[in-house]
């Protein structure tokens, strides 16, 4: 081997070793970063029984934000008729990367239902958290929290799009949500219903709802305080309705949701005992 060939060999060898060292260093750094990312994995089972897997990832170095971040957020590219997604700046995502974990933060879901029926939201895994964290589903319609650490969130959901009703939270303090987004919880104008009366008749076990002559009821739905639908009466087209309730439906407290023929809505919590 002549001198020039030998020097070329040494150059190639050094370059190869340096390249391998940089690759190993980069791979090690990537592996370390991946092990530091904290993950919350959630499953959504739609009314047809199909499962959507969702991931919320916290970056301890605040590499991502609550907005759209290229490389950290994954758009929903499917067109499922019944689906649950993260809502980021009006878009639908299946993976959301955010900054460092804080138990005061909350993140909105978008639930899109074409087939009315039973749904389920489950916490399937918590990864890379040094200490246990609490995970809740907050239902802003009823101001209720369901601890996913203890149970799955289940409900009967009617057809529609719910983009400001369901949130994942890490504290059961609704004041945190109201303080930063005061229009998310029961933000319904009830002034058109100022002459509407609710009366529960113990003798006949009927709920009587009466509105003024210019307000026509289209739909009445009754929920329990867990947000589970007890019954629905649709296509009423009247300003007075009598709704029989069973013993299981006449709990100490129920929530009545009214919708008029022109789309106005009112939610009212009533004591039945």
Protein backbone atom coordinates (compact mmCIF):
# COMPACT_ATOMS: atom_id res chain seq x y z
CA UNK A 1 0.00 0.00 0.00
CA UNK A 2 1.58 3.29 -1.08
CA UNK A 3 1.56 6.42 1.07
CA UNK A 4 -1.29 8.16 -0.78
CA UNK A 5 -3.53 5.07 -0.64
CA UNK A 6 -2.76 4.67 3.06
CA UNK A 7 -3.69 8.28 3.84
CA UNK A 8 -6.93 7.93 1.88
CA UNK A 9 -7.73 4.77 3.85
CA UNK A 10 -7.15 6.56 7.15
CA UNK A 11 -9.37 9.47 6.05
CA UNK A 12 -12.24 7.14 5.07
CA UNK A 13 -11.82 5.16 8.30
CA UNK A 14 -11.87 8.29 10.47
CA UNK A 15 -14.85 9.69 8.59
CA UNK A 16 -16.74 6.40 9.01
CA UNK A 17 -15.98 6.20 12.74
CA UNK A 18 -16.96 9.85 13.26
CA UNK A 19 -20.19 9.30 11.31
CA UNK A 20 -21.01 6.21 13.32
CA UNK A 21 -20.30 8.06 16.56
CA UNK A 22 -22.62 10.91 15.55
CA UNK A 23 -25.32 8.43 14.54
CA UNK A 24 -25.02 6.60 17.87
CA UNK A 25 -25.07 9.93 19.74
CA UNK A 26 -28.13 11.10 17.78
CA UNK A 27 -29.91 7.77 18.33
CA UNK A 28 -29.08 7.90 22.04
CA UNK A 29 -30.40 11.47 22.32
CA UNK A 30 -33.59 10.51 20.47
CA UNK A 31 -34.04 7.48 22.74
CA UNK A 32 -33.52 9.63 25.85
CA UNK A 33 -36.03 12.21 24.62
CA UNK A 34 -38.57 9.47 23.87
CA UNK A 35 -38.17 8.05 27.37
CA UNK A 36 -38.82 11.47 28.90
CA UNK A 37 -42.06 12.14 27.00
CA UNK A 38 -45.04 11.45 29.24
CA UNK A 39 -47.99 9.82 27.51
CA UNK A 40 -51.69 9.50 28.26
CA UNK A 41 -53.39 6.89 26.09
CA UNK A 42 -57.16 6.93 25.67
CA UNK A 43 -59.55 4.64 23.79
CA UNK A 44 -62.96 5.66 22.43
CA UNK A 45 -65.54 2.99 21.57
CA UNK A 46 -68.24 4.36 19.27
CA UNK A 47 -71.89 3.25 19.08
CA UNK A 48 -71.04 0.67 16.39
CA UNK A 49 -68.38 -0.92 18.60
CA UNK A 50 -65.28 0.36 16.78
CA UNK A 51 -62.32 1.69 18.78
CA UNK A 52 -60.36 4.89 18.20
CA UNK A 53 -56.94 5.11 19.89
CA UNK A 54 -55.88 8.60 21.03
CA UNK A 55 -52.58 9.82 22.45
CA UNK A 56 -51.79 12.93 24.48
CA UNK A 57 -48.03 13.50 24.91
CA UNK A 58 -46.34 15.89 27.34
CA UNK A 59 -42.85 17.16 26.44
CA UNK A 60 -40.92 18.02 29.64
CA UNK A 61 -38.73 20.52 27.75
CA UNK A 62 -41.82 22.31 26.34
CA UNK A 63 -40.79 21.35 22.82
CA UNK A 64 -44.49 21.37 21.85
CA UNK A 65 -47.31 23.78 22.63
CA UNK A 66 -51.08 23.64 23.04
CA UNK A 67 -51.36 24.76 19.41
CA UNK A 68 -50.50 22.90 16.22
CA UNK A 69 -46.88 21.65 16.26
CA UNK A 70 -45.37 19.97 13.20
CA UNK A 71 -43.88 16.61 14.15
CA UNK A 72 -45.81 16.36 17.43
CA UNK A 73 -49.46 16.39 16.31
CA UNK A 74 -51.05 13.85 13.97
CA UNK A 75 -54.10 14.84 11.94
CA UNK A 76 -57.10 12.54 11.71
CA UNK A 77 -57.10 11.38 8.09
CA UNK A 78 -60.02 8.96 8.46
CA UNK A 79 -63.65 9.69 7.71
CA UNK A 80 -65.39 7.64 10.37
CA UNK A 81 -69.07 8.48 10.93
CA UNK A 82 -68.64 8.13 14.71
CA UNK A 83 -65.37 9.42 16.11
CA UNK A 84 -63.54 11.17 18.94
CA UNK A 85 -60.58 13.46 18.26
CA UNK A 86 -58.41 16.09 19.89
CA UNK A 87 -59.50 19.56 18.79
CA UNK A 88 -56.51 21.83 18.01
CA UNK A 89 -57.21 25.21 16.45
CA UNK A 90 -60.41 23.87 14.91
CA UNK A 91 -58.73 20.78 13.43
CA UNK A 92 -59.24 17.11 14.30
CA UNK A 93 -56.21 15.16 15.55
CA UNK A 94 -55.50 11.65 16.85
CA UNK A 95 -52.17 12.56 18.50
CA UNK A 96 -51.59 15.80 20.38
CA UNK A 97 -48.19 16.85 21.67
CA UNK A 98 -48.12 19.63 24.27
CA UNK A 99 -45.69 21.17 26.77
CA UNK A 100 -44.76 19.97 30.24
CA UNK A 101 -47.47 18.31 32.32
CA UNK A 102 -49.54 20.56 34.58
CA UNK A 103 -52.59 19.34 36.46
CA UNK A 104 -54.30 22.68 35.84
CA UNK A 105 -54.40 22.14 32.06
CA UNK A 106 -57.31 20.65 30.10
CA UNK A 107 -57.71 19.63 26.47
CA UNK A 108 -60.94 19.55 24.43
CA UNK A 109 -62.33 16.56 22.60
CA UNK A 110 -64.43 16.71 19.49
CA UNK A 111 -67.08 13.97 19.43
CA UNK A 112 -68.75 13.40 16.07
CA UNK A 113 -71.73 11.03 16.14
CA UNK A 114 -73.75 9.95 13.11
CA UNK A 115 -75.29 6.90 14.81
CA UNK A 116 -76.93 7.57 18.17
CA UNK A 117 -76.00 5.03 20.79
CA UNK A 118 -73.73 4.08 23.67
CA UNK A 119 -70.15 5.33 23.75
CA UNK A 120 -67.21 4.60 26.05
CA UNK A 121 -64.00 6.50 26.83
CA UNK A 122 -61.26 4.59 28.67
CA UNK A 123 -57.82 5.37 30.05
CA UNK A 124 -55.58 2.60 28.71
CA UNK A 125 -52.08 3.68 29.80
CA UNK A 126 -50.00 6.29 31.62
CA UNK A 127 -46.35 6.27 30.59
CA UNK A 128 -43.21 7.86 32.11
CA UNK A 129 -44.95 9.59 35.02
CA UNK A 130 -42.85 9.41 38.18
CA UNK A 131 -45.96 9.74 40.33
CA UNK A 132 -49.58 8.73 39.68
CA UNK A 133 -51.78 11.41 38.11
CA UNK A 134 -55.55 11.86 38.08
CA UNK A 135 -57.34 11.78 34.74
CA UNK A 136 -60.94 12.94 34.33
CA UNK A 137 -63.53 13.38 31.62
CA UNK A 138 -65.30 16.68 32.17
CA UNK A 139 -68.80 17.05 30.72
CA UNK A 140 -69.43 20.79 30.50
CA UNK A 141 -73.12 20.30 29.76
CA UNK A 142 -73.72 18.91 33.23
CA UNK A 143 -70.61 20.19 34.99
CA UNK A 144 -69.64 16.63 35.95
CA UNK A 145 -66.28 14.86 36.27
CA UNK A 146 -65.70 11.14 35.71
CA UNK A 147 -62.42 9.70 37.03
CA UNK A 148 -60.94 7.51 34.30
CA UNK A 149 -58.51 6.09 36.88
CA UNK A 150 -61.46 4.39 38.57
CA UNK A 151 -63.96 3.70 35.79
CA UNK A 152 -64.73 4.15 32.11
CA UNK A 153 -66.86 7.07 30.97
CA UNK A 154 -70.03 5.69 29.40
CA UNK A 155 -73.03 7.51 28.04
CA UNK A 156 -75.85 7.40 25.54
CA UNK A 157 -75.10 10.08 22.95
CA UNK A 158 -77.49 11.27 20.28
CA UNK A 159 -76.54 12.21 16.73
CA UNK A 160 -74.60 15.46 16.48
CA UNK A 161 -71.24 17.19 16.79
CA UNK A 162 -69.94 17.98 20.28
CA UNK A 163 -66.89 20.22 20.05
CA UNK A 164 -67.15 22.14 23.32
CA UNK A 165 -68.75 19.64 25.68
CA UNK A 166 -66.12 16.99 26.55
CA UNK A 167 -62.64 17.66 27.94
CA UNK A 168 -59.81 15.63 29.43
CA UNK A 169 -58.62 17.19 32.70
CA UNK A 170 -56.24 16.33 35.51
CA UNK A 171 -58.18 17.98 38.31
CA UNK A 172 -61.87 17.92 39.19
CA UNK A 173 -61.98 21.67 39.68
CA UNK A 174 -64.41 23.10 37.12
CA UNK A 175 -63.44 26.60 38.23
CA UNK A 176 -60.18 26.22 36.32
CA UNK A 177 -62.09 25.68 33.09
CA UNK A 178 -64.64 28.38 33.77
CA UNK A 179 -61.89 30.88 34.55
CA UNK A 180 -60.11 30.39 31.25
CA UNK A 181 -63.12 29.55 29.08
CA UNK A 182 -66.22 30.95 30.78
CA UNK A 183 -68.46 30.25 27.82
CA UNK A 184 -67.93 26.48 27.75
CA UNK A 185 -70.09 25.47 30.70
CA UNK A 186 -73.81 25.69 30.16
CA UNK A 187 -73.34 28.73 27.96
CA UNK A 188 -76.94 28.76 26.80
CA UNK A 189 -79.10 31.84 26.66
CA UNK A 190 -82.19 31.02 28.73
CA UNK A 191 -83.91 34.37 28.30
CA UNK A 192 -86.32 33.01 25.64
CA UNK A 193 -87.49 30.55 28.33
CA UNK A 194 -88.27 33.09 31.04
CA UNK A 195 -91.97 32.08 31.04
CA UNK A 196 -91.29 28.33 30.98
CA UNK A 197 -92.37 26.32 34.03
CA UNK A 198 -91.33 22.87 35.26
CA UNK A 199 -93.51 20.92 37.66
CA UNK A 200 -93.17 17.36 38.90
CA UNK A 201 -96.46 15.76 40.00
CA UNK A 202 -95.77 13.16 42.69
CA UNK A 203 -99.22 11.56 42.41
CA UNK A 204 -98.97 10.74 38.71
CA UNK A 205 -95.17 10.74 38.53
CA UNK A 206 -95.25 13.11 35.60
CA UNK A 207 -93.02 15.97 34.66
CA UNK A 208 -95.06 18.84 33.27
CA UNK A 209 -93.28 21.44 31.12
CA UNK A 210 -95.14 24.50 29.90
CA UNK A 211 -93.78 27.37 27.82
CA UNK A 212 -95.30 30.61 26.61
CA UNK A 213 -97.54 30.72 23.55
CA UNK A 214 -94.72 31.75 21.20
CA UNK A 215 -92.27 29.01 22.26
CA UNK A 216 -92.84 25.61 20.64
CA UNK A 217 -91.06 22.63 22.15
CA UNK A 218 -89.44 20.23 19.71
CA UNK A 219 -87.33 17.95 21.86
CA UNK A 220 -87.02 17.10 25.58
CA UNK A 221 -84.19 14.95 26.95
CA UNK A 222 -83.76 13.96 30.59
CA UNK A 223 -80.38 13.01 32.08
CA UNK A 224 -79.20 11.92 35.49
CA UNK A 225 -76.45 13.86 37.23
CA UNK A 226 -73.80 11.54 35.75
CA UNK A 227 -74.75 12.71 32.28
CA UNK A 228 -76.47 9.46 31.32
CA UNK A 229 -79.59 9.88 29.22
CA UNK A 230 -82.73 8.55 30.88
CA UNK A 231 -85.26 9.30 28.15
CA UNK A 232 -85.93 11.44 25.11
CA UNK A 233 -89.16 12.83 23.68
CA UNK A 234 -88.87 14.28 20.17
CA UNK A 235 -91.19 15.90 17.61
CA UNK A 236 -93.37 17.39 20.35
CA UNK A 237 -94.52 20.51 18.44
CA UNK A 238 -96.44 21.94 21.40
CA UNK A 239 -95.94 24.44 24.19
CA UNK A 240 -96.99 22.00 26.91
CA UNK A 241 -95.90 18.40 27.46
CA UNK A 242 -96.56 15.71 30.08
CA UNK A 243 -93.72 13.20 30.52
CA UNK A 244 -94.29 10.10 32.69
CA UNK A 245 -91.23 9.09 34.74
CA UNK A 246 -90.47 5.68 36.23
CA UNK A 247 -89.19 5.15 39.76
CA UNK A 248 -85.62 4.74 38.47
CA UNK A 249 -85.93 8.01 36.55
CA UNK A 250 -87.28 10.02 39.47
CA UNK A 251 -83.99 10.34 41.26
CA UNK A 252 -83.24 13.08 43.74
CA UNK A 253 -82.01 15.27 40.92
CA UNK A 254 -82.40 15.20 37.14
CA UNK A 255 -81.33 17.50 34.32
CA UNK A 256 -83.89 18.45 31.68
CA UNK A 257 -82.70 19.67 28.29
CA UNK A 258 -85.22 21.51 26.12
CA UNK A 259 -84.89 22.34 22.43
CA UNK A 260 -87.41 24.52 20.60
CA UNK A 261 -88.48 24.25 16.99
CA UNK A 262 -86.16 27.15 16.12
CA UNK A 263 -83.11 25.54 17.75
CA UNK A 264 -82.96 27.35 21.11
CA UNK A 265 -81.87 25.26 24.08
CA UNK A 266 -82.25 25.30 27.85
CA UNK A 267 -80.79 22.95 30.47
CA UNK A 268 -82.52 22.89 33.85
CA UNK A 269 -81.64 20.88 36.96
CA UNK A 270 -84.69 19.78 38.97
CA UNK A 271 -85.29 18.08 42.28
CA UNK A 272 -87.89 15.31 42.01
CA UNK A 273 -87.85 14.19 45.64
